[in-house]
C-alpha atoms as a PDB file:
ATOM      1  CA  MET A   1       6.311  10.667  26.681  1.00  0.00           C
ATOM      2  CA  ARG A   2       7.198  14.338  26.950  1.00  0.00           C
ATOM      3  CA  TRP A   3       7.477  15.309  23.305  1.00  0.00           C
ATOM      4  CA  LYS A   4       5.415  18.402  22.548  1.00  0.00           C
ATOM      5  CA  GLY A   5       7.375  21.542  21.787  1.00  0.00           C
ATOM      6  CA  ARG A   6      10.694  19.721  21.531  1.00  0.00           C
ATOM      7  CA  ARG A   7      13.226  19.484  18.702  1.00  0.00           C
ATOM      8  CA  GLN A   8      12.035  17.736  15.546  1.00  0.00           C
ATOM      9  CA  SER A   9      14.365  15.920  13.195  1.00  0.00           C
ATOM     10  CA  GLY A  10      14.805  17.414   9.753  1.00  0.00           C
ATOM     11  CA  ASN A  11      15.411  13.935   8.325  1.00  0.00           C
ATOM     12  CA  ILE A  12      11.778  13.446   7.369  1.00  0.00           C
ATOM     13  CA  GLU A  13      10.609  12.673   3.842  1.00  0.00           C
ATOM     14  CA  ASP A  14       6.841  12.992   3.496  1.00  0.00           C
ATOM     15  CA  ARG A  15       5.621  11.050   0.463  1.00  0.00           C
ATOM     16  CA  ARG A  16       1.959  11.246   1.372  1.00  0.00           C
ATOM     17  CA  ALA A  17      -0.136  13.190  -1.143  1.00  0.00           C
ATOM     18  CA  GLY A  18       0.543  16.768  -0.121  1.00  0.00           C
ATOM     19  CA  GLY A  19       1.269  15.420   3.355  1.00  0.00           C
ATOM     20  CA  LEU A  20      -2.484  15.454   4.068  1.00  0.00           C
ATOM     21  CA  PRO A  21      -5.546  13.583   2.783  1.00  0.00           C
ATOM     22  CA  GLY A  22      -7.779  14.948   0.024  1.00  0.00           C
ATOM     23  CA  ARG A  23      -5.220  17.320  -1.487  1.00  0.00           C
ATOM     24  CA  ALA A  24      -3.410  15.157  -4.039  1.00  0.00           C
ATOM     25  CA  ILE A  25      -4.871  16.628  -7.207  1.00  0.00           C
ATOM     26  CA  GLY A  26      -4.854  20.205  -5.995  1.00  0.00           C
ATOM     27  CA  GLY A  27      -1.213  20.904  -6.722  1.00  0.00           C
ATOM     28  CA  GLY A  28       2.129  19.735  -8.059  1.00  0.00           C
ATOM     29  CA  LEU A  29       2.609  17.283 -10.899  1.00  0.00           C
ATOM     30  CA  GLY A  30      -0.986  15.990 -10.790  1.00  0.00           C
ATOM     31  CA  THR A  31      -2.386  19.434 -11.510  1.00  0.00           C
ATOM     32  CA  LEU A  32       0.126  20.095 -14.300  1.00  0.00           C
ATOM     33  CA  VAL A  33      -0.753  16.848 -16.075  1.00  0.00           C
ATOM     34  CA  LEU A  34      -4.480  17.525 -15.738  1.00  0.00           C
ATOM     35  CA  LEU A  35      -4.167  21.033 -17.180  1.00  0.00           C
ATOM     36  CA  LEU A  36      -2.075  19.734 -20.075  1.00  0.00           C
ATOM     37  CA  VAL A  37      -4.697  17.112 -20.936  1.00  0.00           C
ATOM     38  CA  VAL A  38      -7.478  19.725 -20.837  1.00  0.00           C
ATOM     39  CA  TRP A  39      -5.471  21.998 -23.171  1.00  0.00           C
ATOM     40  CA  MET A  40      -4.805  19.146 -25.620  1.00  0.00           C
ATOM     41  CA  LEU A  41      -8.526  18.368 -25.722  1.00  0.00           C
ATOM     42  CA  GLY A  42      -9.344  21.977 -26.578  1.00  0.00           C
ATOM     43  CA  GLY A  43     -10.535  23.052 -23.148  1.00  0.00           C
ATOM     44  CA  ASN A  44      -9.621  26.111 -21.111  1.00  0.00           C
ATOM     45  CA  PRO A  45      -6.993  25.215 -18.468  1.00  0.00           C
ATOM     46  CA  LEU A  46      -7.685  28.470 -16.594  1.00  0.00           C
ATOM     47  CA  GLU A  47     -11.294  27.443 -15.960  1.00  0.00           C
ATOM     48  CA  VAL A  48     -10.150  24.069 -14.619  1.00  0.00           C
ATOM     49  CA  LEU A  49      -7.545  25.728 -12.425  1.00  0.00           C
ATOM     50  CA  GLN A  50     -10.227  27.988 -10.972  1.00  0.00           C
ATOM     51  CA  MET A  51     -12.444  24.976 -10.256  1.00  0.00           C
ATOM     52  CA  LEU A  52      -9.560  23.173  -8.500  1.00  0.00           C
ATOM     53  CA  SER A  53      -8.802  26.253  -6.448  1.00  0.00           C
ATOM     54  CA  THR A  54     -12.407  26.395  -5.303  1.00  0.00           C
ATOM     55  CA  SER A  55     -12.579  22.664  -4.517  1.00  0.00           C
ATOM     56  CA  THR A  56      -9.460  22.782  -2.363  1.00  0.00           C
ATOM     57  CA  GLY A  57     -10.516  25.843  -0.430  1.00  0.00           C
ATOM     58  CA  PRO A  58     -11.818  25.911   3.179  1.00  0.00           C
ATOM     59  CA  GLU A  59     -12.949  22.471   4.292  1.00  0.00           C
ATOM     60  CA  PRO A  60     -15.405  21.272   6.932  1.00  0.00           C
ATOM     61  CA  SER A  61     -14.193  21.314  10.506  1.00  0.00           C
ATOM     62  CA  GLY A  62     -14.221  17.504  10.650  1.00  0.00           C
ATOM     63  CA  VAL A  63     -11.563  17.250   7.930  1.00  0.00           C
ATOM     64  CA  THR A  64      -9.544  20.006   9.566  1.00  0.00           C
ATOM     65  CA  GLN A  65      -9.497  18.008  12.794  1.00  0.00           C
ATOM     66  CA  GLN A  66      -8.298  14.955  10.858  1.00  0.00           C
ATOM     67  CA  GLU A  67      -5.525  16.961   9.275  1.00  0.00           C
ATOM     68  CA  THR A  68      -4.532  18.333  12.665  1.00  0.00           C
ATOM     69  CA  ALA A  69      -4.304  14.805  14.058  1.00  0.00           C
ATOM     70  CA  ILE A  70      -2.125  13.728  11.128  1.00  0.00           C
ATOM     71  CA  ASP A  71       0.159  16.724  11.565  1.00  0.00           C
ATOM     72  CA  GLU A  72       0.487  15.841  15.262  1.00  0.00           C
ATOM     73  CA  ARG A  73       1.476  12.264  14.451  1.00  0.00           C
ATOM     74  CA  LYS A  74       4.101  13.539  12.028  1.00  0.00           C
ATOM     75  CA  GLU A  75       5.424  15.950  14.659  1.00  0.00           C
ATOM     76  CA  PHE A  76       5.576  13.122  17.194  1.00  0.00           C
ATOM     77  CA  ALA A  77       7.511  10.878  14.812  1.00  0.00           C
ATOM     78  CA  ALA A  78       9.942  13.722  14.059  1.00  0.00           C
ATOM     79  CA  VAL A  79      10.564  14.310  17.783  1.00  0.00           C
ATOM     80  CA  VAL A  80      11.188  10.612  18.471  1.00  0.00           C
ATOM     81  CA  LEU A  81      13.546  10.444  15.496  1.00  0.00           C
ATOM     82  CA  ALA A  82      15.414  13.488  16.819  1.00  0.00           C
ATOM     83  CA  ASP A  83      15.791  11.788  20.199  1.00  0.00           C
ATOM     84  CA  THR A  84      17.232   8.663  18.585  1.00  0.00           C
ATOM     85  CA  GLU A  85      19.688  10.865  16.676  1.00  0.00           C
ATOM     86  CA  ASP A  86      20.893  12.489  19.894  1.00  0.00           C
ATOM     87  CA  VAL A  87      21.259   9.204  21.780  1.00  0.00           C
ATOM     88  CA  TRP A  88      22.909   7.148  19.043  1.00  0.00           C
ATOM     89  CA  ALA A  89      25.242   9.934  17.910  1.00  0.00           C
ATOM     90  CA  ARG A  90      26.639  10.060  21.439  1.00  0.00           C
ATOM     91  CA  LEU A  91      26.772   6.290  22.007  1.00  0.00           C
ATOM     92  CA  MET A  92      28.468   5.569  18.695  1.00  0.00           C
ATOM     93  CA  ARG A  93      30.886   8.463  19.107  1.00  0.00           C
ATOM     94  CA  GLU A  94      32.015   6.799  22.338  1.00  0.00           C
ATOM     95  CA  GLN A  95      32.825   3.722  20.227  1.00  0.00           C
ATOM     96  CA  GLY A  96      34.717   5.783  17.660  1.00  0.00           C
ATOM     97  CA  VAL A  97      31.957   5.441  15.053  1.00  0.00           C
ATOM     98  CA  THR A  98      30.307   8.359  13.278  1.00  0.00           C
ATOM     99  CA  TYR A  99      26.525   8.151  13.412  1.00  0.00           C
ATOM    100  CA  ARG A 100      24.887   8.843  10.058  1.00  0.00           C
ATOM    101  CA  PRO A 101      21.191   9.569  10.807  1.00  0.00           C
ATOM    102  CA  PRO A 102      18.615   7.687   8.760  1.00  0.00           C
ATOM    103  CA  VAL A 103      15.754   9.361   6.906  1.00  0.00           C
ATOM    104  CA  LEU A 104      12.209   8.597   8.015  1.00  0.00           C
ATOM    105  CA  VAL A 105       9.866   8.250   5.037  1.00  0.00           C
ATOM    106  CA  LEU A 106       6.165   8.785   5.710  1.00  0.00           C
ATOM    107  CA  TYR A 107       3.904   7.186   3.119  1.00  0.00           C
ATOM    108  CA  ARG A 108       0.405   5.924   2.591  1.00  0.00           C
ATOM    109  CA  ASP A 109      -0.683   2.481   1.344  1.00  0.00           C
ATOM    110  CA  MET A 110       2.338   1.613  -0.843  1.00  0.00           C
ATOM    111  CA  VAL A 111       5.931   2.791  -1.215  1.00  0.00           C
ATOM    112  CA  GLN A 112       8.980   2.215  -3.407  1.00  0.00           C
ATOM    113  CA  SER A 113      12.353   1.863  -1.700  1.00  0.00           C
ATOM    114  CA  ALA A 114      15.777   0.523  -2.608  1.00  0.00           C
ATOM    115  CA  CYS A 115      14.483  -2.770  -1.186  1.00  0.00           C
ATOM    116  CA  GLY A 116      11.561  -2.905  -3.626  1.00  0.00           C
ATOM    117  CA  LEU A 117       7.862  -2.116  -3.595  1.00  0.00           C
ATOM    118  CA  SER A 118       6.172  -2.548  -0.208  1.00  0.00           C
ATOM    119  CA  GLN A 119       2.615  -2.286   1.060  1.00  0.00           C
ATOM    120  CA  ALA A 120       1.606  -0.638   4.307  1.00  0.00           C
ATOM    121  CA  ALA A 121      -0.016  -3.907   5.392  1.00  0.00           C
ATOM    122  CA  SER A 122       3.486  -5.333   5.853  1.00  0.00           C
ATOM    123  CA  GLY A 123       4.153  -2.796   8.593  1.00  0.00           C
ATOM    124  CA  PRO A 124       7.044  -0.372   9.185  1.00  0.00           C
ATOM    125  CA  PHE A 125      10.444  -1.420   7.858  1.00  0.00           C
ATOM    126  CA  TYR A 126      14.038  -0.322   7.421  1.00  0.00           C
ATOM    127  CA  CYS A 127      15.810  -0.564   4.065  1.00  0.00           C
ATOM    128  CA  PRO A 128      19.609  -0.833   4.412  1.00  0.00           C
ATOM    129  CA  GLY A 129      19.992  -0.117   0.698  1.00  0.00           C
ATOM    130  CA  ASP A 130      18.963   3.526   1.081  1.00  0.00           C
ATOM    131  CA  GLU A 131      19.299   3.839   4.885  1.00  0.00           C
ATOM    132  CA  LYS A 132      15.689   4.934   5.297  1.00  0.00           C
ATOM    133  CA  LEU A 133      12.896   3.964   7.684  1.00  0.00           C
ATOM    134  CA  TYR A 134       9.471   3.580   6.113  1.00  0.00           C
ATOM    135  CA  ILE A 135       6.244   3.929   8.045  1.00  0.00           C
ATOM    136  CA  ASP A 136       2.590   4.479   7.232  1.00  0.00           C
ATOM    137  CA  LEU A 137       1.414   6.518  10.203  1.00  0.00           C
ATOM    138  CA  ASP A 138      -1.926   4.725  10.046  1.00  0.00           C
ATOM    139  CA  PHE A 139      -0.021   1.699  11.383  1.00  0.00           C
ATOM    140  CA  LEU A 140       0.308   3.509  14.687  1.00  0.00           C
ATOM    141  CA  ASP A 141      -3.491   3.563  14.904  1.00  0.00           C
ATOM    142  CA  GLU A 142      -3.562  -0.082  13.868  1.00  0.00           C
ATOM    143  CA  LEU A 143      -1.168  -0.825  16.725  1.00  0.00           C
ATOM    144  CA  GLN A 144      -3.816   0.370  19.130  1.00  0.00           C
ATOM    145  CA  ARG A 145      -6.870  -1.129  17.422  1.00  0.00           C
ATOM    146  CA  ARG A 146      -5.630  -4.501  16.189  1.00  0.00           C
ATOM    147  CA  PHE A 147      -2.813  -5.253  18.618  1.00  0.00           C
ATOM    148  CA  SER A 148      -4.240  -3.519  21.693  1.00  0.00           C
ATOM    149  CA  ALA A 149      -1.023  -1.569  22.255  1.00  0.00           C
ATOM    150  CA  PRO A 150      -2.108   2.017  22.998  1.00  0.00           C
ATOM    151  CA  GLY A 151       0.021   4.971  24.056  1.00  0.00           C
ATOM    152  CA  ASP A 152       2.525   7.260  22.409  1.00  0.00           C
ATOM    153  CA  PHE A 153       5.518   5.360  23.781  1.00  0.00           C
ATOM    154  CA  ALA A 154       4.250   2.202  22.103  1.00  0.00           C
ATOM    155  CA  SER A 155       4.581   4.102  18.819  1.00  0.00           C
ATOM    156  CA  ALA A 156       7.994   5.402  19.888  1.00  0.00           C
ATOM    157  CA  TYR A 157       9.123   1.796  20.399  1.00  0.00           C
ATOM    158  CA  ILE A 158       8.187   0.954  16.790  1.00  0.00           C
ATOM    159  CA  ILE A 159      10.274   3.838  15.454  1.00  0.00           C
ATOM    160  CA  ALA A 160      13.170   3.040  17.798  1.00  0.00           C
ATOM    161  CA  HIS A 161      13.138  -0.600  16.648  1.00  0.00           C
ATOM    162  CA  GLU A 162      13.569   0.438  13.010  1.00  0.00           C
ATOM    163  CA  VAL A 163      16.338   2.847  14.021  1.00  0.00           C
ATOM    164  CA  GLY A 164      17.914  -0.164  15.733  1.00  0.00           C
ATOM    165  CA  HIS A 165      18.172  -1.804  12.321  1.00  0.00           C
ATOM    166  CA  HIS A 166      19.958   1.296  11.057  1.00  0.00           C
ATOM    167  CA  VAL A 167      22.459   1.004  13.908  1.00  0.00           C
ATOM    168  CA  GLN A 168      23.046  -2.611  12.875  1.00  0.00           C
ATOM    169  CA  LYS A 169      23.713  -1.452   9.315  1.00  0.00           C
ATOM    170  CA  LEU A 170      26.278   1.134  10.470  1.00  0.00           C
ATOM    171  CA  LEU A 171      28.039  -1.423  12.680  1.00  0.00           C
ATOM    172  CA  GLY A 172      28.280  -3.945   9.836  1.00  0.00           C
ATOM    173  CA  ILE A 173      26.024  -6.457  11.595  1.00  0.00           C
ATOM    174  CA  THR A 174      23.373  -6.504   8.874  1.00  0.00           C
ATOM    175  CA  GLU A 175      25.916  -7.179   6.142  1.00  0.00           C
ATOM    176  CA  ARG A 176      27.430 -10.094   8.072  1.00  0.00           C
ATOM    177  CA  VAL A 177      24.038 -11.715   8.561  1.00  0.00           C
ATOM    178  CA  MET A 178      22.844 -11.192   4.988  1.00  0.00           C
ATOM    179  CA  SER A 179      26.106 -12.610   3.613  1.00  0.00           C
ATOM    180  CA  MET A 180      25.078 -15.965   5.115  1.00  0.00           C
ATOM    181  CA  GLN A 181      22.124 -16.288   2.778  1.00  0.00           C
ATOM    182  CA  GLY A 182      22.719 -19.164   0.403  1.00  0.00           C
ATOM    183  CA  SER A 183      25.653 -20.528   2.364  1.00  0.00           C
ATOM    184  CA  VAL A 184      23.512 -22.016   5.158  1.00  0.00           C
ATOM    185  CA  GLN A 185      20.205 -23.837   5.161  1.00  0.00           C
ATOM    186  CA  ASP A 186      17.112 -21.653   4.902  1.00  0.00           C
ATOM    187  CA  SER A 187      15.999 -22.649   8.387  1.00  0.00           C
ATOM    188  CA  GLU A 188      19.335 -21.564   9.875  1.00  0.00           C
ATOM    189  CA  PHE A 189      19.311 -18.282   7.960  1.00  0.00           C
ATOM    190  CA  ASN A 190      15.783 -17.616   9.184  1.00  0.00           C
ATOM    191  CA  ARG A 191      16.938 -18.142  12.771  1.00  0.00           C
ATOM    192  CA  MET A 192      19.689 -15.583  12.183  1.00  0.00           C
ATOM    193  CA  LEU A 193      17.095 -13.105  10.956  1.00  0.00           C
ATOM    194  CA  VAL A 194      15.158 -13.617  14.182  1.00  0.00           C
ATOM    195  CA  ARG A 195      18.294 -12.826  16.176  1.00  0.00           C
ATOM    196  CA  LEU A 196      18.782  -9.722  14.037  1.00  0.00           C
ATOM    197  CA  GLU A 197      15.258  -8.555  14.892  1.00  0.00           C
ATOM    198  CA  LEU A 198      15.686  -9.264  18.585  1.00  0.00           C
ATOM    199  CA  GLN A 199      18.876  -7.224  18.634  1.00  0.00           C
ATOM    200  CA  ALA A 200      16.937  -4.334  17.086  1.00  0.00           C
ATOM    201  CA  ASP A 201      14.507  -4.703  19.998  1.00  0.00           C
ATOM    202  CA  TYR A 202      17.470  -4.566  22.362  1.00  0.00           C
ATOM    203  CA  PHE A 203      18.726  -1.379  20.710  1.00  0.00           C
ATOM    204  CA  ALA A 204      15.232   0.108  21.042  1.00  0.00           C
ATOM    205  CA  GLY A 205      15.483  -0.641  24.760  1.00  0.00           C
ATOM    206  CA  VAL A 206      18.907   1.035  24.888  1.00  0.00           C
ATOM    207  CA  TRP A 207      17.388   4.183  23.429  1.00  0.00           C
ATOM    208  CA  ALA A 208      14.506   4.035  25.934  1.00  0.00           C
ATOM    209  CA  HIS A 209      17.051   3.735  28.769  1.00  0.00           C
ATOM    210  CA  HIS A 210      18.712   6.987  27.756  1.00  0.00           C
ATOM    211  CA  ALA A 211      15.362   8.672  27.063  1.00  0.00           C
ATOM    212  CA  ARG A 212      14.451   7.922  30.679  1.00  0.00           C
ATOM    213  CA  ASN A 213      17.747   9.405  31.854  1.00  0.00           C
ATOM    214  CA  MET A 214      16.910  12.555  29.892  1.00  0.00           C
ATOM    215  CA  ASN A 215      13.632  12.734  31.826  1.00  0.00           C
ATOM    216  CA  LEU A 216      11.546  12.225  28.690  1.00  0.00           C
ATOM    217  CA  LEU A 217       9.452   9.333  29.978  1.00  0.00           C
ATOM    218  CA  GLU A 218       6.186   9.733  31.828  1.00  0.00           C
ATOM    219  CA  GLU A 219       4.437   7.317  34.140  1.00  0.00           C
ATOM    220  CA  GLY A 220       3.204   4.299  32.216  1.00  0.00           C
ATOM    221  CA  ASP A 221       5.504   4.808  29.198  1.00  0.00           C
ATOM    222  CA  LEU A 222       7.626   1.749  29.878  1.00  0.00           C
ATOM    223  CA  GLU A 223       4.513  -0.404  30.199  1.00  0.00           C
ATOM    224  CA  GLU A 224       3.295   0.907  26.842  1.00  0.00           C
ATOM    225  CA  ALA A 225       6.544  -0.084  25.137  1.00  0.00           C
ATOM    226  CA  LEU A 226       6.580  -3.508  26.782  1.00  0.00           C
ATOM    227  CA  ASN A 227       2.999  -4.082  25.721  1.00  0.00           C
ATOM    228  CA  ALA A 228       3.857  -3.123  22.125  1.00  0.00           C
ATOM    229  CA  ALA A 229       6.892  -5.425  22.057  1.00  0.00           C
ATOM    230  CA  SER A 230       4.740  -8.279  23.280  1.00  0.00           C
ATOM    231  CA  ALA A 231       1.882  -7.452  20.888  1.00  0.00           C
ATOM    232  CA  VAL A 232       4.010  -7.823  17.746  1.00  0.00           C
ATOM    233  CA  GLY A 233       5.557 -11.185  18.636  1.00  0.00           C
ATOM    234  CA  ASP A 234       5.314 -13.758  15.850  1.00  0.00           C
ATOM    235  CA  ASP A 235       3.408 -16.243  17.981  1.00  0.00           C
ATOM    236  CA  ARG A 236       0.787 -13.695  19.004  1.00  0.00           C
ATOM    237  CA  ILE A 237       0.319 -12.363  15.468  1.00  0.00           C
ATOM    238  CA  GLN A 238       0.043 -15.851  13.985  1.00  0.00           C
ATOM    239  CA  GLN A 239      -2.440 -16.919  16.624  1.00  0.00           C
ATOM    240  CA  GLN A 240      -4.604 -13.902  15.863  1.00  0.00           C
ATOM    241  CA  SER A 241      -4.423 -14.206  12.078  1.00  0.00           C
ATOM    242  CA  ARG A 242      -4.269 -18.000  11.583  1.00  0.00           C
ATOM    243  CA  GLY A 243      -5.571 -19.428  14.789  1.00  0.00           C
ATOM    244  CA  TYR A 244      -2.386 -21.493  15.228  1.00  0.00           C
ATOM    245  CA  VAL A 245       1.374 -20.954  15.521  1.00  0.00           C
ATOM    246  CA  VAL A 246       4.181 -22.164  13.199  1.00  0.00           C
ATOM    247  CA  PRO A 247       7.515 -21.582  15.007  1.00  0.00           C
ATOM    248  CA  ASP A 248       9.631 -22.455  11.949  1.00  0.00           C
ATOM    249  CA  SER A 249       8.135 -19.488  10.106  1.00  0.00           C
ATOM    250  CA  PHE A 250       8.979 -16.920  12.792  1.00  0.00           C
ATOM    251  CA  THR A 251      10.781 -13.840  11.514  1.00  0.00           C
ATOM    252  CA  HIS A 252      10.897 -11.516  14.545  1.00  0.00           C
ATOM    253  CA  GLY A 253      10.720 -13.717  17.616  1.00  0.00           C
ATOM    254  CA  THR A 254       8.021 -14.596  20.107  1.00  0.00           C
ATOM    255  CA  SER A 255       6.276 -12.078  22.330  1.00  0.00           C
ATOM    256  CA  GLU A 256       8.316 -13.313  25.291  1.00  0.00           C
ATOM    257  CA  GLN A 257      11.602 -12.981  23.403  1.00  0.00           C
ATOM    258  CA  ARG A 258      10.874  -9.494  22.090  1.00  0.00           C
ATOM    259  CA  LEU A 259       9.798  -8.395  25.544  1.00  0.00           C
ATOM    260  CA  ARG A 260      12.915  -9.903  27.121  1.00  0.00           C
ATOM    261  CA  TRP A 261      15.419  -8.260  24.769  1.00  0.00           C
ATOM    262  CA  PHE A 262      13.790  -4.841  24.898  1.00  0.00           C
ATOM    263  CA  THR A 263      13.857  -5.058  28.694  1.00  0.00           C
ATOM    264  CA  LYS A 264      17.533  -6.054  28.675  1.00  0.00           C
ATOM    265  CA  GLY A 265      18.376  -3.019  26.581  1.00  0.00           C
ATOM    266  CA  PHE A 266      16.316  -0.748  28.794  1.00  0.00           C
ATOM    267  CA  ARG A 267      18.023  -1.966  31.932  1.00  0.00           C
ATOM    268  CA  SER A 268      21.595  -1.818  30.665  1.00  0.00           C
ATOM    269  CA  GLY A 269      21.668   1.088  28.215  1.00  0.00           C
ATOM    270  CA  ASP A 270      24.845  -0.505  26.821  1.00  0.00           C
ATOM    271  CA  PRO A 271      24.855  -1.253  23.069  1.00  0.00           C
ATOM    272  CA  ASP A 272      27.664  -3.794  23.508  1.00  0.00           C
ATOM    273  CA  ALA A 273      25.645  -5.984  25.877  1.00  0.00           C
ATOM    274  CA  GLY A 274      23.071  -6.991  23.273  1.00  0.00           C
ATOM    275  CA  ASP A 275      24.779  -9.791  21.365  1.00  0.00           C
ATOM    276  CA  THR A 276      21.774 -11.901  20.437  1.00  0.00           C
ATOM    277  CA  PHE A 277      23.855 -13.967  18.006  1.00  0.00           C
ATOM    278  CA  SER A 278      25.944 -15.670  20.668  1.00  0.00           C
ATOM    279  CA  ALA A 279      23.138 -15.944  23.226  1.00  0.00           C
ATOM    280  CA  SER A 280      22.325 -19.544  24.143  1.00  0.00           C
ATOM    281  CA  VAL A 281      18.812 -18.557  25.228  1.00  0.00           C
ATOM    282  CA  LEU A 282      16.758 -16.024  23.320  1.00  0.00           C
END
């Protein structure tokens, strides 16, 4: 994907410690609390501050390279988010709807959202309560290592899928589905959630369609996205983690279904053609 040097979204909220590893205690509230404790115990806060300043000075080149890689991943995510803003603002304006861009929250290990406390192990998610996407950038590395889905466009697909959930929120689709909870059997509600996820895959494909038309895709990008969609299918994940598959517990759809709906979105580029809820075959 052609992303370097392009516009980055300003709707980024970096909740990682200082934005980089190894810097959490060197500044901000952590430092203030530490200095206050030292003062209360009769110590000299200035001496501690000098020690902290020394410890957070120039670092070995290996750490610098790690920080550079993290900064690059953040820049990439900001560019992809900006692209989704451009595409969906135009598509929704054509439908007479004002697009309200979501905020992308970068975090590490654990995060608090309007939807509750979540761990990075659960993967990226969208919270309709605060209209924010949450992602631990280490998941993008995990996508390559654990799920064998390498490539920057595979990561772009993950972000675009979560943005797809935001589009559903703005269109009122999410509210209609969630209102069914408690009024239908759990198994039926779970099937509706699968259709909700597959539609988000479709919307990710719609974005990819327009990204291609803007000449942002490079050779092999589509294959990377298709591989990622297939890699995170419920059946494939369950087979890898459990050694067997339980279809009734699916929450996102099978690899084949996720691949199919992303492809449909990519081919059509039409948000209105992705009604997974009335589809007889997923």
